[in-house]
Amino acid sequence: MKNASTRPILMLIILLLAPALSYSQCELRVHCYPSQVFPGEKVLVSASGRCGVIMQSYFDGGVAGPDWFYVQNPVDFSNPCGSGPFLTYLWISKNPTPVRMLETDSLNLSKGNCYIRWRMRYGLDSAVGDCNAPDYTDEGVRLQYSTDAGAIWNDFPGPSVEPVGDTTSSGQHYTKQYGTGTYWAPHTNQQARENSGLYRWNYYQVAVPPQASVNGTRVRWIQQNADGYGNDTWGIDEVEIECPPVSNNIVWSFGSTVLNPPAIVVEDRGVVSYDTCFVATIYEGGYSATDSCCVTVRSAMGMNKDSHNENTHIYPNPSCGAVNIELPYFYEEIVTVEVLNSTGAQIYMNDFQKTEMISIDLTANPSGIYYLLIATADYTVMKKLVLE
């Protein structure tokens, strides 16, 4: 927002180091499904992960992390401009100076093939306050890098393209096309701001150029023109700088070396039940990450498990969302129904008291393959369900 006052020429810069938050250059998530099986049944295990993560700042603890320092303490972690993409974001609205800046410490980007990805938005309100909109073309945010500890700053290569995504007041934070480039000029017209991805939380992604792919590179987000406290606000979230390797190495506790190995048949250990876990480690260079998942193996001793499975019916299958479960053997017990999607994530769970018929509603879920786990203290039945 412009006003009649003269912008200050001089600025006092105070550099503050944020409290440390640790991160790893590798990360890994392991999944197992179903979570309960009988001996002889199969468990599907899968992993998703990566190495080459140089920096991550999600701001969810109300701090930025060890790789940032600030100008004159302009940051706010109280979500002053409404809800963000996820939990807490970093917002700049209370800096009285005409220049606002976030700058990383020196980073080792010498591996090459690096990129920077983050979410950003400008304030949208016309009134002075925590969410005031940058409304002149010189009040935007510029992305730059330095390879000499901040002595000289360079723009990232263009073209500068604003992101395309959600522009509704509900704030779904869905980005269809990432923003790219080095500078994103604000819009001077309120209607144009309402329709622009700059003024909602959207993703930006920029490749690190070869001349910045060295040890000691710094990156900064800088707003070089602003009208002080409560004007021309903006914020960032989910900042990631990554130099991914050509391929990741992974090894499982059972010997496999692929992210999604073949299904595993669990053994009968002759006990009522037991838990078995699957461990994976992803590594690259001197860095690694490990994760595991566990399943409960129910014993079939003294129980006609096949009979329970054959006499437990779900219908209709395929279904449009309304599902009936017929349980002729379970009517004297508390029954737990758990529904997993095709990746093993739980999307439904509930307990039912001594019943022969259960009805559940899954209409809010997308089409695909799901797994129903129907369990009592002694029995577990798994059924495959298709939602149309």
Protein backbone atom coordinates (compact mmCIF):
# COMPACT_ATOMS: atom_id res chain seq x y z
CA MET A 1 0.00 0.00 0.00
CA LYS A 2 1.37 3.44 -0.93
CA ASN A 3 1.02 6.45 1.31
CA ALA A 4 2.15 10.08 1.27
CA SER A 5 5.08 9.58 3.60
CA THR A 6 8.65 9.39 2.35
CA ARG A 7 10.16 5.96 2.61
CA PRO A 8 13.20 5.80 4.90
CA ILE A 9 16.49 5.61 3.08
CA LEU A 10 18.44 3.96 5.87
CA MET A 11 17.56 0.67 7.52
CA LEU A 12 18.90 -0.86 10.72
CA ILE A 13 19.62 -4.55 10.20
CA ILE A 14 19.73 -6.87 13.16
CA LEU A 15 20.53 -10.49 12.39
CA LEU A 16 19.00 -13.02 14.71
CA LEU A 17 19.75 -16.73 14.66
CA ALA A 18 16.63 -18.87 15.18
CA PRO A 19 16.45 -21.75 17.67
CA ALA A 20 17.66 -24.97 16.12
CA LEU A 21 15.35 -27.59 14.67
CA SER A 22 17.01 -30.72 13.33
CA TYR A 23 16.42 -32.26 9.91
CA SER A 24 18.00 -35.09 7.98
CA GLN A 25 19.33 -35.25 4.44
CA CYS A 26 17.31 -38.45 3.96
CA GLU A 27 13.71 -39.18 4.89
CA LEU A 28 11.62 -42.34 4.69
CA ARG A 29 8.06 -43.52 5.40
CA VAL A 30 7.17 -47.21 5.50
CA HIS A 31 3.65 -48.64 5.23
CA CYS A 32 2.15 -52.10 5.90
CA TYR A 33 -1.35 -53.30 5.16
CA PRO A 34 -3.45 -54.83 6.32
CA SER A 35 -2.55 -54.21 9.95
CA GLN A 36 -3.91 -57.60 11.10
CA VAL A 37 -3.62 -60.97 9.31
CA PHE A 38 -3.75 -64.70 9.94
CA PRO A 39 -0.76 -67.02 9.46
CA GLY A 40 -0.25 -67.84 5.79
CA GLU A 41 -1.81 -64.59 4.60
CA LYS A 42 0.09 -61.88 2.75
CA VAL A 43 1.24 -58.47 3.94
CA LEU A 44 1.94 -55.69 1.45
CA VAL A 45 4.82 -53.41 2.45
CA SER A 46 5.85 -50.24 0.66
CA ALA A 47 8.12 -47.28 1.21
CA SER A 48 8.36 -43.70 0.02
CA GLY A 49 11.43 -41.60 0.66
CA ARG A 50 14.27 -39.54 -0.66
CA CYS A 51 17.80 -38.38 0.03
CA GLY A 52 19.50 -35.12 -0.83
CA VAL A 53 17.32 -32.94 1.43
CA ILE A 54 19.54 -29.94 2.19
CA MET A 55 17.05 -27.81 4.12
CA GLN A 56 13.48 -28.03 5.41
CA SER A 57 11.53 -25.35 7.26
CA TYR A 58 7.85 -25.96 7.97
CA PHE A 59 7.60 -23.46 10.88
CA ASP A 60 5.17 -25.70 12.79
CA GLY A 61 6.97 -25.16 16.10
CA GLY A 62 6.69 -21.40 15.83
CA VAL A 63 10.39 -21.08 14.91
CA ALA A 64 12.21 -21.13 11.61
CA GLY A 65 15.09 -23.51 12.26
CA PRO A 66 18.87 -23.34 12.23
CA ASP A 67 19.37 -22.15 8.66
CA TRP A 68 17.66 -18.75 8.86
CA PHE A 69 18.38 -15.27 10.11
CA TYR A 70 16.11 -12.26 9.89
CA VAL A 71 16.02 -8.52 9.40
CA GLN A 72 14.83 -6.54 12.43
CA ASN A 73 12.58 -9.32 13.70
CA PRO A 74 9.70 -8.96 11.21
CA VAL A 75 8.26 -12.46 11.50
CA ASP A 76 4.99 -13.65 13.02
CA PHE A 77 4.07 -17.30 13.64
CA SER A 78 0.51 -16.74 14.95
CA ASN A 79 -1.20 -17.23 11.55
CA PRO A 80 -2.39 -13.60 11.46
CA CYS A 81 -3.72 -13.86 7.90
CA GLY A 82 -6.04 -16.84 8.36
CA SER A 83 -5.36 -20.54 8.14
CA GLY A 84 -2.32 -21.76 6.25
CA PRO A 85 -1.55 -24.89 4.25
CA PHE A 86 -0.72 -26.84 7.41
CA LEU A 87 -0.41 -25.65 11.01
CA THR A 88 1.91 -22.63 11.39
CA TYR A 89 3.39 -20.41 8.70
CA LEU A 90 5.90 -17.54 8.77
CA TRP A 91 4.28 -14.15 8.12
CA ILE A 92 5.79 -10.69 7.63
CA SER A 93 3.53 -7.76 8.54
CA LYS A 94 5.04 -5.94 11.54
CA ASN A 95 8.33 -4.74 10.09
CA PRO A 96 8.43 -0.91 10.10
CA THR A 97 11.25 -0.77 7.52
CA PRO A 98 10.80 -0.51 3.74
CA VAL A 99 12.87 -3.64 3.13
CA ARG A 100 11.86 -7.08 4.46
CA MET A 101 14.08 -10.09 4.00
CA LEU A 102 14.50 -13.76 4.88
CA GLU A 103 17.94 -15.17 4.20
CA THR A 104 19.32 -18.67 4.63
CA ASP A 105 22.70 -19.46 6.03
CA SER A 106 25.36 -20.81 3.65
CA LEU A 107 24.28 -24.13 2.11
CA ASN A 108 26.22 -26.80 0.27
CA LEU A 109 24.56 -27.11 -3.15
CA SER A 110 27.65 -28.47 -4.89
CA LYS A 111 25.96 -31.80 -5.73
CA GLY A 112 24.06 -30.01 -8.46
CA ASN A 113 20.59 -30.86 -9.77
CA CYS A 114 19.16 -28.82 -6.85
CA TYR A 115 15.84 -27.03 -6.58
CA ILE A 116 13.97 -24.81 -4.13
CA ARG A 117 10.28 -25.40 -3.42
CA TRP A 118 8.09 -23.44 -1.04
CA ARG A 119 4.61 -22.07 -0.50
CA MET A 120 4.03 -18.32 -0.51
CA ARG A 121 1.20 -15.83 -0.55
CA TYR A 122 0.65 -12.09 -0.43
CA GLY A 123 -1.86 -10.46 1.91
CA LEU A 124 -5.21 -9.68 0.30
CA ASP A 125 -6.91 -7.02 2.45
CA SER A 126 -7.19 -3.42 1.26
CA ALA A 127 -7.20 -2.11 4.85
CA VAL A 128 -4.01 -1.56 6.83
CA GLY A 129 -3.35 -4.55 9.09
CA ASP A 130 -1.84 -8.00 9.37
CA CYS A 131 -3.12 -9.09 5.94
CA ASN A 132 -2.75 -5.89 3.90
CA ALA A 133 -2.13 -6.53 0.21
CA PRO A 134 0.96 -5.52 -1.73
CA ASP A 135 -0.75 -3.40 -4.38
CA TYR A 136 2.02 -1.75 -6.37
CA THR A 137 4.18 -3.58 -8.86
CA ASP A 138 7.40 -2.82 -6.94
CA GLU A 139 6.12 -4.26 -3.64
CA GLY A 140 6.51 -7.92 -4.55
CA VAL A 141 8.93 -10.57 -3.28
CA ARG A 142 12.17 -11.34 -5.11
CA LEU A 143 14.15 -14.61 -4.89
CA GLN A 144 17.94 -14.26 -5.10
CA TYR A 145 21.14 -16.20 -4.41
CA SER A 146 24.66 -15.29 -3.33
CA THR A 147 27.84 -17.33 -3.54
CA ASP A 148 30.04 -14.89 -1.58
CA ALA A 149 28.34 -14.74 1.85
CA GLY A 150 25.88 -12.06 0.77
CA ALA A 151 28.27 -9.55 -0.77
CA ILE A 152 26.62 -9.79 -4.20
CA TRP A 153 23.09 -11.02 -4.86
CA ASN A 154 21.84 -12.44 -8.15
CA ASP A 155 18.33 -13.04 -9.46
CA PHE A 156 17.28 -16.58 -10.29
CA PRO A 157 16.74 -17.22 -14.01
CA GLY A 158 13.27 -16.52 -15.39
CA PRO A 159 10.73 -16.35 -16.73
CA SER A 160 8.80 -15.22 -13.65
CA VAL A 161 5.40 -16.90 -13.76
CA GLU A 162 2.85 -16.65 -10.97
CA PRO A 163 1.29 -19.90 -9.69
CA VAL A 164 -2.11 -21.16 -10.74
CA GLY A 165 -4.27 -22.69 -8.05
CA ASP A 166 -7.14 -22.22 -5.66
CA THR A 167 -8.47 -18.65 -5.49
CA THR A 168 -11.60 -19.28 -3.41
CA SER A 169 -12.17 -17.93 0.08
CA SER A 170 -12.40 -21.50 1.43
CA GLY A 171 -8.65 -21.83 0.97
CA GLN A 172 -8.12 -25.37 -0.31
CA HIS A 173 -4.44 -24.56 -1.01
CA TYR A 174 -4.32 -26.67 -4.16
CA THR A 175 -1.69 -25.66 -6.72
CA LYS A 176 -2.26 -26.67 -10.33
CA GLN A 177 0.87 -24.98 -11.70
CA TYR A 178 3.92 -23.98 -9.65
CA GLY A 179 5.16 -20.41 -9.68
CA THR A 180 8.61 -20.01 -11.25
CA GLY A 181 11.25 -17.36 -11.79
CA THR A 182 12.68 -14.66 -9.53
CA TYR A 183 10.12 -11.84 -8.99
CA TRP A 184 6.35 -11.85 -8.69
CA ALA A 185 4.86 -8.41 -9.27
CA PRO A 186 1.70 -7.60 -7.28
CA HIS A 187 -1.50 -6.54 -9.00
CA THR A 188 -2.73 -2.97 -8.69
CA ASN A 189 -6.39 -3.88 -9.16
CA GLN A 190 -8.40 -5.51 -6.37
CA GLN A 191 -10.32 -7.79 -8.69
CA ALA A 192 -7.08 -8.94 -10.31
CA ARG A 193 -5.73 -9.71 -6.84
CA GLU A 194 -8.82 -11.76 -6.02
CA ASN A 195 -8.25 -13.86 -9.15
CA SER A 196 -4.49 -14.27 -8.76
CA GLY A 197 -2.63 -17.24 -7.33
CA LEU A 198 -0.16 -14.79 -5.75
CA TYR A 199 -2.69 -13.93 -3.07
CA ARG A 200 -3.43 -17.53 -1.95
CA TRP A 201 -1.13 -20.18 -0.56
CA ASN A 202 0.45 -21.81 -3.59
CA TYR A 203 3.63 -23.69 -4.43
CA TYR A 204 6.65 -22.20 -6.15
CA GLN A 205 9.58 -24.23 -7.49
CA VAL A 206 12.82 -22.90 -8.93
CA ALA A 207 15.86 -24.82 -10.19
CA VAL A 208 19.22 -23.76 -8.77
CA PRO A 209 21.37 -22.57 -11.71
CA PRO A 210 24.84 -24.06 -12.28
CA GLN A 211 26.59 -20.90 -11.09
CA ALA A 212 24.83 -21.25 -7.72
CA SER A 213 25.54 -24.99 -7.40
CA VAL A 214 28.52 -24.56 -5.08
CA ASN A 215 29.35 -24.94 -1.40
CA GLY A 216 28.40 -21.77 0.46
CA THR A 217 25.35 -20.60 -1.49
CA ARG A 218 22.84 -18.41 0.32
CA VAL A 219 19.23 -17.87 -0.75
CA ARG A 220 17.00 -14.96 0.21
CA TRP A 221 13.42 -13.80 -0.22
CA ILE A 222 13.43 -10.01 -0.23
CA GLN A 223 10.73 -7.37 -0.48
CA GLN A 224 12.61 -4.24 -1.47
CA ASN A 225 9.73 -1.76 -1.23
CA ALA A 226 7.07 -1.70 1.50
CA ASP A 227 5.22 0.99 3.43
CA GLY A 228 6.07 -0.24 6.91
CA TYR A 229 4.06 -1.70 9.77
CA GLY A 230 0.76 -3.29 8.71
CA ASN A 231 1.33 -2.74 4.98
CA ASP A 232 2.22 -4.92 2.00
CA THR A 233 2.28 -8.21 3.92
CA TRP A 234 3.37 -11.66 2.79
CA GLY A 235 4.40 -15.03 4.13
CA ILE A 236 6.05 -18.35 3.29
CA ASP A 237 5.69 -21.96 4.41
CA GLU A 238 7.05 -25.46 3.70
CA VAL A 239 10.44 -24.34 2.40
CA GLU A 240 12.51 -27.20 0.98
CA ILE A 241 15.89 -27.12 -0.73
CA GLU A 242 16.84 -30.46 -2.22
CA CYS A 243 19.64 -31.89 -4.36
CA PRO A 244 18.22 -35.33 -5.18
CA PRO A 245 20.57 -38.10 -6.32
CA VAL A 246 20.01 -39.89 -9.61
CA SER A 247 18.70 -42.90 -7.65
CA ASN A 248 18.12 -43.75 -4.00
CA ASN A 249 19.42 -46.92 -2.32
CA ILE A 250 17.09 -48.86 -0.04
CA VAL A 251 17.40 -52.11 1.88
CA TRP A 252 14.69 -53.98 3.85
CA SER A 253 15.20 -56.17 6.91
CA PHE A 254 14.11 -59.20 4.83
CA GLY A 255 16.67 -58.48 2.09
CA SER A 256 14.70 -56.68 -0.60
CA THR A 257 16.28 -53.60 -2.21
CA VAL A 258 13.26 -52.00 -3.89
CA LEU A 259 10.74 -49.48 -2.55
CA ASN A 260 7.73 -51.74 -3.16
CA PRO A 261 8.75 -55.40 -2.73
CA PRO A 262 6.50 -58.39 -3.40
CA ALA A 263 3.91 -59.34 -0.78
CA ILE A 264 5.23 -61.23 2.25
CA VAL A 265 3.57 -64.39 3.61
CA VAL A 266 3.53 -64.36 7.43
CA GLU A 267 4.33 -67.52 9.37
CA ASP A 268 2.48 -69.36 12.13
CA ARG A 269 4.55 -69.24 15.32
CA GLY A 270 2.13 -71.36 17.33
CA VAL A 271 1.05 -68.61 19.71
CA VAL A 272 -2.25 -66.82 20.17
CA SER A 273 -0.96 -63.74 18.34
CA TYR A 274 2.24 -61.85 17.74
CA ASP A 275 3.51 -58.67 16.14
CA THR A 276 6.00 -58.73 13.29
CA CYS A 277 7.80 -55.65 11.99
CA PHE A 278 9.43 -54.72 8.70
CA VAL A 279 12.33 -52.26 8.68
CA ALA A 280 13.70 -50.28 5.72
CA THR A 281 16.70 -47.97 5.41
CA ILE A 282 17.29 -45.49 2.60
CA TYR A 283 20.81 -44.14 2.14
CA GLU A 284 23.01 -42.03 -0.12
CA GLY A 285 26.57 -41.02 0.56
CA GLY A 286 27.04 -40.71 4.31
CA TYR A 287 23.36 -40.03 5.05
CA SER A 288 20.50 -42.41 5.79
CA ALA A 289 17.00 -42.69 7.26
CA THR A 290 15.21 -45.70 8.75
CA ASP A 291 11.54 -46.42 9.32
CA SER A 292 9.44 -49.49 10.15
CA CYS A 293 5.89 -50.75 10.27
CA CYS A 294 4.34 -53.63 12.19
CA VAL A 295 1.37 -55.96 11.76
CA THR A 296 -0.42 -58.22 14.21
CA VAL A 297 -0.59 -61.88 13.22
CA ARG A 298 -3.65 -63.58 14.72
CA SER A 299 -3.41 -67.28 15.58
CA ALA A 300 -5.79 -69.70 13.88
CA MET A 301 -5.36 -72.40 16.59
CA GLY A 302 -8.68 -73.82 17.69
CA MET A 303 -10.63 -71.51 15.39
CA ASN A 304 -12.19 -72.10 12.03
CA LYS A 305 -10.85 -68.90 10.50
CA ASP A 306 -11.88 -69.89 6.95
CA SER A 307 -15.46 -70.38 8.13
CA HIS A 308 -15.56 -66.88 9.59
CA ASN A 309 -14.17 -65.41 6.42
CA GLU A 310 -16.58 -67.29 4.17
CA ASN A 311 -19.61 -66.40 6.29
CA THR A 312 -18.80 -62.71 6.64
CA HIS A 313 -20.39 -60.85 3.76
CA ILE A 314 -20.10 -57.27 2.54
CA TYR A 315 -22.51 -55.87 0.00
CA PRO A 316 -22.98 -54.25 -2.38
CA ASN A 317 -19.47 -54.79 -3.72
CA PRO A 318 -18.62 -52.81 -5.81
CA SER A 319 -20.37 -50.01 -3.90
CA CYS A 320 -21.08 -46.35 -4.40
CA GLY A 321 -20.28 -45.76 -0.73
CA ALA A 322 -23.00 -47.39 1.38
CA VAL A 323 -21.68 -50.75 2.63
CA ASN A 324 -23.44 -53.45 4.65
CA ILE A 325 -21.48 -56.02 6.65
CA GLU A 326 -23.20 -59.26 7.66
CA LEU A 327 -21.58 -60.98 10.67
CA PRO A 328 -23.33 -64.23 11.59
CA TYR A 329 -20.51 -65.42 13.86
CA PHE A 330 -19.77 -62.18 15.67
CA TYR A 331 -23.11 -61.25 17.13
CA GLU A 332 -22.09 -62.02 20.74
CA GLU A 333 -18.96 -59.82 20.66
CA ILE A 334 -17.77 -56.25 20.25
CA VAL A 335 -16.74 -55.80 16.63
CA THR A 336 -14.17 -53.31 15.35
CA VAL A 337 -14.43 -52.30 11.70
CA GLU A 338 -11.38 -50.63 10.13
CA VAL A 339 -11.18 -49.47 6.51
CA LEU A 340 -7.84 -48.91 4.76
CA ASN A 341 -7.24 -47.34 1.38
CA SER A 342 -4.92 -48.84 -1.24
CA THR A 343 -1.84 -47.28 0.39
CA GLY A 344 -2.69 -48.72 3.81
CA ALA A 345 -3.88 -45.44 5.34
CA GLN A 346 -6.81 -45.77 7.73
CA ILE A 347 -9.87 -43.85 6.52
CA TYR A 348 -12.48 -45.29 8.91
CA MET A 349 -12.65 -47.11 12.26
CA ASN A 350 -15.49 -47.73 14.66
CA ASP A 351 -16.63 -50.24 17.31
CA PHE A 352 -20.03 -51.93 17.22
CA GLN A 353 -21.77 -53.72 20.08
CA LYS A 354 -23.06 -57.30 19.63
CA THR A 355 -24.67 -57.06 16.22
CA GLU A 356 -25.17 -59.28 13.18
CA MET A 357 -25.46 -56.39 10.69
CA ILE A 358 -23.37 -53.25 10.33
CA SER A 359 -23.85 -50.41 7.86
CA ILE A 360 -21.13 -47.86 7.14
CA ASP A 361 -21.00 -44.86 4.84
CA LEU A 362 -17.89 -44.33 2.68
CA THR A 363 -19.41 -41.98 0.10
CA ALA A 364 -16.94 -39.20 0.99
CA ASN A 365 -14.03 -41.29 -0.30
CA PRO A 366 -12.78 -41.45 -3.90
CA SER A 367 -13.23 -44.46 -6.16
CA GLY A 368 -10.70 -47.23 -5.77
CA ILE A 369 -9.77 -50.39 -3.88
CA TYR A 370 -10.19 -50.55 -0.09
CA TYR A 371 -9.68 -53.20 2.58
CA LEU A 372 -12.10 -53.88 5.43
CA LEU A 373 -10.67 -55.39 8.61
CA ILE A 374 -13.42 -56.83 10.80
CA ALA A 375 -12.09 -57.91 14.18
CA THR A 376 -13.11 -59.17 17.61
CA ALA A 377 -10.85 -60.24 20.46
CA ASP A 378 -10.37 -63.65 18.79
CA TYR A 379 -11.04 -63.26 15.09
CA THR A 380 -9.95 -60.99 12.24
CA VAL A 381 -11.45 -61.09 8.77
CA MET A 382 -10.17 -59.06 5.84
CA LYS A 383 -12.38 -58.21 2.87
CA LYS A 384 -11.57 -56.34 -0.31
CA LEU A 385 -14.01 -53.58 -1.31
CA VAL A 386 -14.27 -51.62 -4.53
CA LEU A 387 -15.77 -48.12 -4.44
CA GLU A 388 -17.11 -46.79 -7.71
